[in-house]
N, C-alpha and C. Protein backbone atom coordinates (compact mmCIF):
# COMPACT_ATOMS: atom_id res chain seq x y z
N MET A 1 0.63 -1.73 0.29
CA MET A 1 -0.26 -0.22 -0.32
C MET A 1 0.67 1.21 -0.09
N ASP A 2 0.66 2.37 -0.86
CA ASP A 2 1.55 3.40 -1.36
C ASP A 2 0.32 4.42 -0.11
N PHE A 3 1.49 5.58 0.39
CA PHE A 3 0.51 6.51 0.46
C PHE A 3 1.13 8.16 0.01
N LEU A 4 0.77 9.13 -0.48
CA LEU A 4 1.22 10.20 -0.49
C LEU A 4 1.25 11.30 0.58
N PHE A 5 2.99 11.86 0.78
CA PHE A 5 2.94 12.62 2.20
C PHE A 5 3.80 13.66 1.20
N ASN A 6 3.69 14.63 2.13
CA ASN A 6 4.80 16.18 1.71
C ASN A 6 4.85 15.62 0.33
N ALA A 7 4.24 15.17 -0.88
CA ALA A 7 4.39 15.42 -2.59
C ALA A 7 5.30 14.43 -2.17
N ARG A 8 5.63 13.47 -1.34
CA ARG A 8 6.42 12.18 -1.86
C ARG A 8 5.77 10.99 -1.79
N ARG A 9 6.30 10.02 -2.26
CA ARG A 9 5.67 8.70 -2.24
C ARG A 9 6.13 7.92 -1.41
N PHE A 10 5.96 7.34 -0.40
CA PHE A 10 6.14 6.37 0.91
C PHE A 10 4.99 4.51 1.06
N THR A 11 6.40 3.83 1.24
CA THR A 11 5.10 2.27 1.14
C THR A 11 5.21 2.93 2.68
N LEU A 12 4.26 1.91 2.97
CA LEU A 12 3.51 1.60 4.38
C LEU A 12 4.68 1.46 5.23
N GLN A 13 5.77 0.70 4.98
CA GLN A 13 7.05 0.04 6.19
C GLN A 13 7.43 1.40 6.15
N ARG A 14 8.32 1.93 4.80
CA ARG A 14 9.31 3.15 4.19
C ARG A 14 8.02 4.25 5.64
N PHE A 15 7.27 4.44 5.61
CA PHE A 15 6.66 4.92 6.89
C PHE A 15 6.27 5.11 8.22
N GLU A 16 6.34 4.09 8.29
CA GLU A 16 6.54 3.77 9.62
C GLU A 16 7.81 4.13 10.10
N SER A 17 8.94 3.63 8.85
CA SER A 17 10.32 3.88 9.78
C SER A 17 10.50 4.78 10.06
N LEU A 18 9.86 6.08 9.41
CA LEU A 18 9.69 7.74 9.46
C LEU A 18 9.30 7.95 10.92
N CYS A 19 8.41 7.14 11.58
CA CYS A 19 7.46 8.37 12.16
C CYS A 19 7.93 7.55 13.78
N ILE A 20 6.82 7.18 14.44
CA ILE A 20 7.52 7.02 16.17
C ILE A 20 5.76 6.76 16.56
N LYS A 21 5.51 6.06 17.75
CA LYS A 21 4.60 5.24 18.48
C LYS A 21 4.85 5.92 19.85
N SER A 22 4.87 6.60 20.33
CA SER A 22 4.67 6.98 21.87
C SER A 22 3.66 7.12 22.59
N SER A 23 3.46 6.75 23.85
CA SER A 23 2.39 6.92 24.75
C SER A 23 1.62 8.05 24.96
N SER A 24 1.96 9.27 25.10
CA SER A 24 1.73 10.74 24.70
C SER A 24 0.75 10.81 23.41
N HIS A 25 1.39 10.20 21.57
CA HIS A 25 0.75 10.25 20.78
C HIS A 25 0.80 8.45 20.31
N PRO A 26 -0.20 8.20 20.40
CA PRO A 26 -0.75 7.08 20.50
C PRO A 26 -0.66 6.70 18.49
N CYS A 27 -1.16 7.61 17.87
CA CYS A 27 -1.23 7.30 16.34
C CYS A 27 0.68 7.53 15.86
N LEU A 28 0.96 6.98 15.01
CA LEU A 28 2.10 7.95 13.89
C LEU A 28 1.87 8.78 13.65
N VAL A 29 3.43 9.43 14.39
CA VAL A 29 3.99 11.07 14.39
C VAL A 29 4.60 11.11 13.33
N TYR A 30 4.65 11.69 12.59
CA TYR A 30 6.32 11.92 11.54
C TYR A 30 7.64 12.87 12.17
N ARG A 31 8.49 11.95 11.72
CA ARG A 31 9.67 13.06 12.52
C ARG A 31 10.70 13.76 11.15
N GLU A 32 11.10 14.78 11.20
CA GLU A 32 11.08 15.46 10.86
C GLU A 32 13.08 14.84 10.29
N GLN A 33 13.28 14.85 8.96
CA GLN A 33 14.51 14.70 8.62
C GLN A 33 15.80 15.96 8.31
N LEU A 34 16.73 15.17 9.04
CA LEU A 34 18.22 15.84 8.75
C LEU A 34 19.08 15.52 8.42
N LEU A 35 19.40 16.87 7.49
CA LEU A 35 20.62 16.39 7.17
C LEU A 35 21.87 17.31 7.42
N PHE A 36 23.21 16.58 7.71
CA PHE A 36 23.95 17.24 8.81
C PHE A 36 24.83 17.56 7.64
N VAL A 37 26.12 18.18 7.14
CA VAL A 37 26.81 18.19 6.20
C VAL A 37 28.49 19.05 6.90
N CYS A 38 29.10 18.51 6.67
CA CYS A 38 30.46 18.57 6.72
C CYS A 38 31.70 18.56 5.67
N SER A 39 32.84 18.42 6.14
CA SER A 39 33.85 18.10 4.48
C SER A 39 34.36 16.60 4.32
N ARG A 40 34.59 16.29 5.40
CA ARG A 40 34.44 15.05 5.25
C ARG A 40 33.67 13.22 6.19
N ASN A 41 32.80 14.29 7.06
CA ASN A 41 31.90 13.04 7.68
C ASN A 41 32.35 12.55 8.74
N GLN A 42 32.84 13.16 9.19
CA GLN A 42 33.54 12.36 10.34
C GLN A 42 33.52 12.74 11.61
N TRP A 43 33.40 14.44 11.92
CA TRP A 43 33.91 14.70 13.49
C TRP A 43 32.26 15.86 13.41
N ARG A 44 32.08 17.05 12.73
CA ARG A 44 30.97 17.53 12.87
C ARG A 44 29.69 17.21 13.04
N SER A 45 29.94 16.77 11.23
CA SER A 45 28.74 15.86 11.03
C SER A 45 27.86 15.11 11.62
N SER A 46 28.79 13.66 11.83
CA SER A 46 28.64 12.33 12.63
C SER A 46 28.00 12.87 14.27
N THR A 47 28.49 13.91 14.81
CA THR A 47 28.51 14.13 16.33
C THR A 47 27.23 15.18 16.37
N ALA A 48 26.79 16.14 15.51
CA ALA A 48 25.51 16.50 15.35
C ALA A 48 24.35 15.42 15.10
N ALA A 49 24.40 14.45 14.05
CA ALA A 49 23.50 13.32 13.20
C ALA A 49 23.73 12.49 15.28
N ALA A 50 24.33 12.18 15.69
CA ALA A 50 24.08 10.93 16.63
C ALA A 50 23.60 12.22 18.23
N LEU A 51 23.91 13.34 18.33
CA LEU A 51 22.72 14.03 18.96
C LEU A 51 21.35 14.14 18.46
N PHE A 52 21.22 13.59 17.75
CA PHE A 52 19.46 12.76 17.37
C PHE A 52 19.41 11.29 17.39
N LYS A 53 19.94 11.25 17.48
CA LYS A 53 20.10 9.45 18.35
C LYS A 53 18.50 8.62 18.81
N ASP A 54 18.02 8.09 18.58
CA ASP A 54 16.81 8.04 18.70
C ASP A 54 15.81 8.96 19.42
N ASN A 55 15.89 9.76 18.46
CA ASN A 55 14.66 11.34 18.71
C ASN A 55 13.02 11.00 18.93
N ASP A 56 12.57 11.26 19.67
CA ASP A 56 11.69 11.11 18.95
C ASP A 56 11.02 12.67 17.86
N LEU A 57 10.95 13.65 17.75
CA LEU A 57 11.02 14.39 16.87
C LEU A 57 11.95 14.41 15.17
N TYR A 58 12.77 14.38 15.50
CA TYR A 58 13.90 14.02 14.50
C TYR A 58 14.18 12.85 14.10
N ALA A 59 14.66 12.67 12.88
CA ALA A 59 16.09 11.69 12.08
C ALA A 59 16.89 12.61 11.58
N ALA A 60 17.73 12.08 11.76
CA ALA A 60 19.01 12.13 11.16
C ALA A 60 20.22 11.77 10.36
N ARG A 61 20.79 12.35 9.85
CA ARG A 61 21.72 11.40 8.65
C ARG A 61 23.40 12.43 8.46
N SER A 62 24.42 11.83 8.26
CA SER A 62 25.27 12.82 8.18
C SER A 62 26.05 12.83 6.50
N ALA A 63 26.59 13.84 6.50
CA ALA A 63 27.37 13.69 4.54
C ALA A 63 28.42 14.30 4.52
N GLY A 64 29.00 14.03 3.83
CA GLY A 64 30.78 15.50 3.90
C GLY A 64 30.28 15.30 2.22
N THR A 65 30.83 16.72 1.76
CA THR A 65 31.07 17.18 0.72
C THR A 65 32.50 17.02 0.18
N SER A 66 33.37 15.80 0.57
CA SER A 66 35.02 16.17 -0.05
C SER A 66 34.29 14.65 -0.58
N ASP A 67 35.53 14.39 -1.70
CA ASP A 67 35.61 13.36 -2.29
C ASP A 67 36.26 11.93 -1.50
N SER A 68 36.83 12.49 -0.16
CA SER A 68 37.41 11.47 0.60
C SER A 68 36.37 11.71 1.68
N ALA A 69 35.17 11.76 1.81
CA ALA A 69 34.22 11.63 2.75
C ALA A 69 33.98 10.42 2.82
N ARG A 70 33.63 10.31 4.33
CA ARG A 70 33.37 8.85 5.17
C ARG A 70 32.05 8.53 4.39
N ILE A 71 30.92 9.32 4.66
CA ILE A 71 29.88 9.38 3.50
C ILE A 71 29.44 10.52 3.18
N LYS A 72 29.48 10.19 1.17
CA LYS A 72 29.52 11.50 0.27
C LYS A 72 27.81 12.02 0.56
N ILE A 73 28.14 13.90 0.63
CA ILE A 73 26.46 13.69 0.34
C ILE A 73 26.07 13.02 -1.16
N THR A 74 24.49 12.76 -1.74
CA THR A 74 24.24 12.55 -2.88
C THR A 74 23.05 13.38 -3.29
N ALA A 75 22.49 13.56 -4.48
CA ALA A 75 21.10 13.73 -4.58
C ALA A 75 19.95 12.94 -3.02
N GLY A 76 20.21 12.06 -3.22
CA GLY A 76 19.39 11.47 -1.99
C GLY A 76 19.54 11.35 -1.02
N LEU A 77 20.31 12.17 -0.37
CA LEU A 77 20.56 11.83 0.97
C LEU A 77 20.11 13.51 0.62
N ILE A 78 19.97 14.13 -0.33
CA ILE A 78 19.30 15.71 0.16
C ILE A 78 18.08 15.63 -0.19
N ASN A 79 17.45 14.87 -1.21
CA ASN A 79 16.28 14.65 -1.54
C ASN A 79 14.82 13.98 -0.13
N TRP A 80 15.71 13.42 1.01
CA TRP A 80 15.80 12.64 1.94
C TRP A 80 15.38 13.61 2.54
N ALA A 81 16.53 14.46 3.24
CA ALA A 81 16.19 15.19 4.16
C ALA A 81 14.72 16.60 3.97
N ASP A 82 14.33 17.07 5.00
CA ASP A 82 13.58 17.68 5.22
C ASP A 82 14.08 19.33 5.24
N ARG A 83 15.29 19.26 5.87
CA ARG A 83 15.69 20.54 5.91
C ARG A 83 17.37 20.70 6.29
N LEU A 84 18.80 20.44 5.58
CA LEU A 84 20.19 20.65 5.77
C LEU A 84 20.98 21.89 6.90
N PHE A 85 21.74 21.19 7.76
CA PHE A 85 22.39 21.93 8.39
C PHE A 85 23.84 21.51 7.66
N VAL A 86 24.48 23.09 7.17
CA VAL A 86 25.66 22.58 6.89
C VAL A 86 26.86 23.13 7.74
N MET A 87 28.02 23.22 8.24
CA MET A 87 28.65 23.54 8.94
C MET A 87 29.59 25.08 8.60
N GLU A 88 29.74 25.48 7.43
CA GLU A 88 30.33 26.28 6.96
C GLU A 88 29.53 26.75 5.63
N LYS A 89 30.14 28.20 5.47
CA LYS A 89 29.18 28.80 4.09
C LYS A 89 30.05 27.90 2.57
N ARG A 90 31.49 27.54 2.58
CA ARG A 90 32.29 27.17 2.00
C ARG A 90 31.13 25.32 1.06
N HIS A 91 30.24 24.84 2.05
CA HIS A 91 29.51 23.62 2.11
C HIS A 91 28.35 23.82 1.22
N LEU A 92 27.71 25.01 2.02
CA LEU A 92 26.40 25.62 1.29
C LEU A 92 27.02 25.64 -0.46
N ALA A 93 27.74 26.59 -0.42
CA ALA A 93 28.57 26.59 -2.28
C ALA A 93 28.49 25.36 -2.74
N ILE A 94 29.11 24.84 -2.32
CA ILE A 94 29.83 23.11 -3.20
C ILE A 94 28.61 22.31 -3.34
N ILE A 95 27.55 22.63 -2.20
CA ILE A 95 25.97 21.95 -3.10
C ILE A 95 25.39 23.08 -4.04
N HIS A 96 25.26 23.71 -3.18
CA HIS A 96 24.49 24.62 -3.52
C HIS A 96 24.74 24.57 -6.19
N ARG A 97 26.63 24.11 -5.93
CA ARG A 97 27.15 23.68 -7.37
C ARG A 97 26.43 23.13 -7.65
N LYS A 98 27.16 21.66 -6.88
CA LYS A 98 26.47 20.37 -7.52
C LYS A 98 25.12 20.11 -7.90
N TYR A 99 24.17 20.59 -6.78
CA TYR A 99 23.07 19.96 -6.80
C TYR A 99 21.82 20.78 -6.18
N GLY A 100 21.67 22.43 -7.16
CA GLY A 100 20.97 23.45 -7.00
C GLY A 100 19.75 22.57 -7.86
N LYS A 101 19.85 21.74 -8.07
CA LYS A 101 17.98 21.77 -8.78
C LYS A 101 17.68 20.88 -7.35
N GLU A 102 18.24 19.57 -6.89
CA GLU A 102 17.76 19.11 -5.74
C GLU A 102 17.04 19.78 -4.76
N ILE A 103 18.26 20.95 -4.17
CA ILE A 103 17.79 22.30 -3.06
C ILE A 103 17.02 23.26 -3.02
N GLU A 104 16.77 23.12 -4.15
CA GLU A 104 15.35 24.12 -4.40
C GLU A 104 14.35 24.26 -3.32
N GLY A 105 14.06 25.09 -2.95
CA GLY A 105 12.80 25.35 -1.26
C GLY A 105 12.94 24.26 -0.25
N LYS A 106 14.30 23.57 -0.29
CA LYS A 106 15.25 23.73 0.73
C LYS A 106 15.58 24.57 1.48
N SER A 107 14.92 24.62 3.15
CA SER A 107 15.67 24.90 4.28
C SER A 107 16.93 24.54 4.77
N ILE A 108 18.36 25.39 4.36
CA ILE A 108 19.80 24.97 4.54
C ILE A 108 20.00 26.05 5.43
N VAL A 109 20.87 25.48 6.87
CA VAL A 109 21.18 26.97 7.60
C VAL A 109 22.69 26.90 7.60
N VAL A 110 23.39 27.71 7.33
CA VAL A 110 24.52 27.26 7.86
C VAL A 110 25.22 27.81 9.55
N LEU A 111 25.56 26.70 10.06
CA LEU A 111 26.00 27.22 11.43
C LEU A 111 27.31 27.46 11.78
N ASN A 112 27.73 27.70 11.02
CA ASN A 112 29.23 28.85 10.82
C ASN A 112 30.36 27.82 12.03
N ILE A 113 30.33 26.87 12.28
CA ILE A 113 31.28 25.54 12.78
C ILE A 113 32.96 24.75 12.16
N THR A 114 33.66 25.42 12.60
CA THR A 114 34.94 25.50 12.44
C THR A 114 35.70 24.08 12.34
N ASP A 115 36.75 22.99 11.37
CA ASP A 115 37.01 22.00 11.77
C ASP A 115 37.97 22.06 12.68
N ASP A 116 37.62 22.11 14.07
CA ASP A 116 38.51 22.69 14.62
C ASP A 116 38.33 20.67 16.09
N TYR A 117 37.44 20.44 15.95
CA TYR A 117 36.89 19.77 16.78
C TYR A 117 37.00 18.08 16.20
N GLN A 118 36.91 17.56 17.29
CA GLN A 118 37.37 15.92 17.37
C GLN A 118 35.74 14.87 17.61
N TYR A 119 34.83 13.97 17.22
CA TYR A 119 34.36 13.55 17.14
C TYR A 119 33.28 13.62 18.67
N MET A 120 32.32 13.67 19.11
CA MET A 120 31.80 13.96 20.48
C MET A 120 32.40 15.01 21.28
N ASP A 121 33.63 15.93 21.34
CA ASP A 121 33.85 17.01 21.48
C ASP A 121 32.80 17.39 22.23
N SER A 122 33.03 17.47 23.73
CA SER A 122 32.16 18.77 24.27
C SER A 122 32.07 19.60 24.26
N GLU A 123 33.03 20.91 23.94
CA GLU A 123 33.28 21.72 23.29
C GLU A 123 31.83 21.87 22.06
N LEU A 124 32.42 20.98 21.10
CA LEU A 124 31.59 21.28 19.85
C LEU A 124 30.45 20.47 20.16
N ILE A 125 29.35 19.57 20.62
CA ILE A 125 28.57 19.44 21.79
C ILE A 125 27.74 20.45 21.84
N GLU A 126 28.08 21.31 22.50
CA GLU A 126 27.70 22.63 23.43
C GLU A 126 27.44 23.45 22.29
N ILE A 127 28.11 23.60 20.93
CA ILE A 127 27.72 24.77 20.32
C ILE A 127 26.72 23.80 19.36
N LEU A 128 27.22 22.68 18.99
CA LEU A 128 25.95 22.89 18.23
C LEU A 128 24.74 23.00 19.08
N LYS A 129 24.46 22.52 20.25
CA LYS A 129 22.94 22.19 21.07
C LYS A 129 23.16 24.00 20.52
N SER A 130 23.88 24.62 21.30
CA SER A 130 23.00 26.40 21.54
C SER A 130 22.98 26.52 19.96
N ARG A 131 23.84 26.48 18.89
CA ARG A 131 23.28 27.02 16.76
C ARG A 131 22.51 26.60 16.98
N LEU A 132 21.33 25.21 16.77
CA LEU A 132 20.91 24.34 16.61
C LEU A 132 19.20 24.66 17.43
N SER A 133 19.19 24.77 18.38
CA SER A 133 18.63 25.70 19.08
C SER A 133 17.45 26.77 18.58
N GLU A 134 18.16 27.41 17.92
CA GLU A 134 17.30 28.72 17.03
C GLU A 134 16.64 28.19 16.23
N HIS A 135 17.03 25.89 15.73
CA HIS A 135 16.39 26.06 14.63
C HIS A 135 15.68 24.74 15.34
N LEU A 136 15.91 23.90 16.08
CA LEU A 136 15.15 22.69 16.85
C LEU A 136 14.81 22.67 17.99
N LYS A 137 13.96 21.89 17.87
CA LYS A 137 13.84 21.55 19.83
C LYS A 137 14.33 20.96 19.62
N PHE A 138 14.96 20.97 21.77
CA PHE A 138 16.28 19.73 22.22
C PHE A 138 15.01 19.03 23.57
N GLY A 139 15.16 18.06 23.89
CA GLY A 139 14.79 17.69 25.33
C GLY A 139 13.53 16.49 25.07
N GLU A 140 13.46 16.61 23.77
CA GLU A 140 12.06 15.24 23.81
C GLU A 140 13.13 13.88 23.91
N SER A 141 13.95 13.58 22.91
CA SER A 141 14.82 12.44 23.21
C SER A 141 16.19 13.00 22.93
N GLU A 142 16.43 13.87 23.47
CA GLU A 142 18.10 14.31 23.58
C GLU A 142 18.44 13.17 23.72
């Protein structure tokens, strides 16, 4: 069985994988899909995505713009995402150049976080939470 949801086609199984059931919301609730992007997808974007693991409101993935990225950004990942968060302006420029058509109408936020941190660095987490709190809700299942 297929559903039309937000101008996207989902199978029932795919739809349920993007939704959660909770005691406070017994029906299925759509989780907004977030894509975090840095250069190599090793530290910043991976840390950001990890902050939303098992979150009731958001499903998060991460990718990198570099050819040496652990997970390279693709049109498919961009299409999957409802919102994109990039660490630096240069990441936005690369995405715009390579995927201009795919990002049309997408919300993209530049977080202005330099590549000075290791994965799950406490200072990086603090900066991410501060910058992301302007755009996302924390506390549901962080």
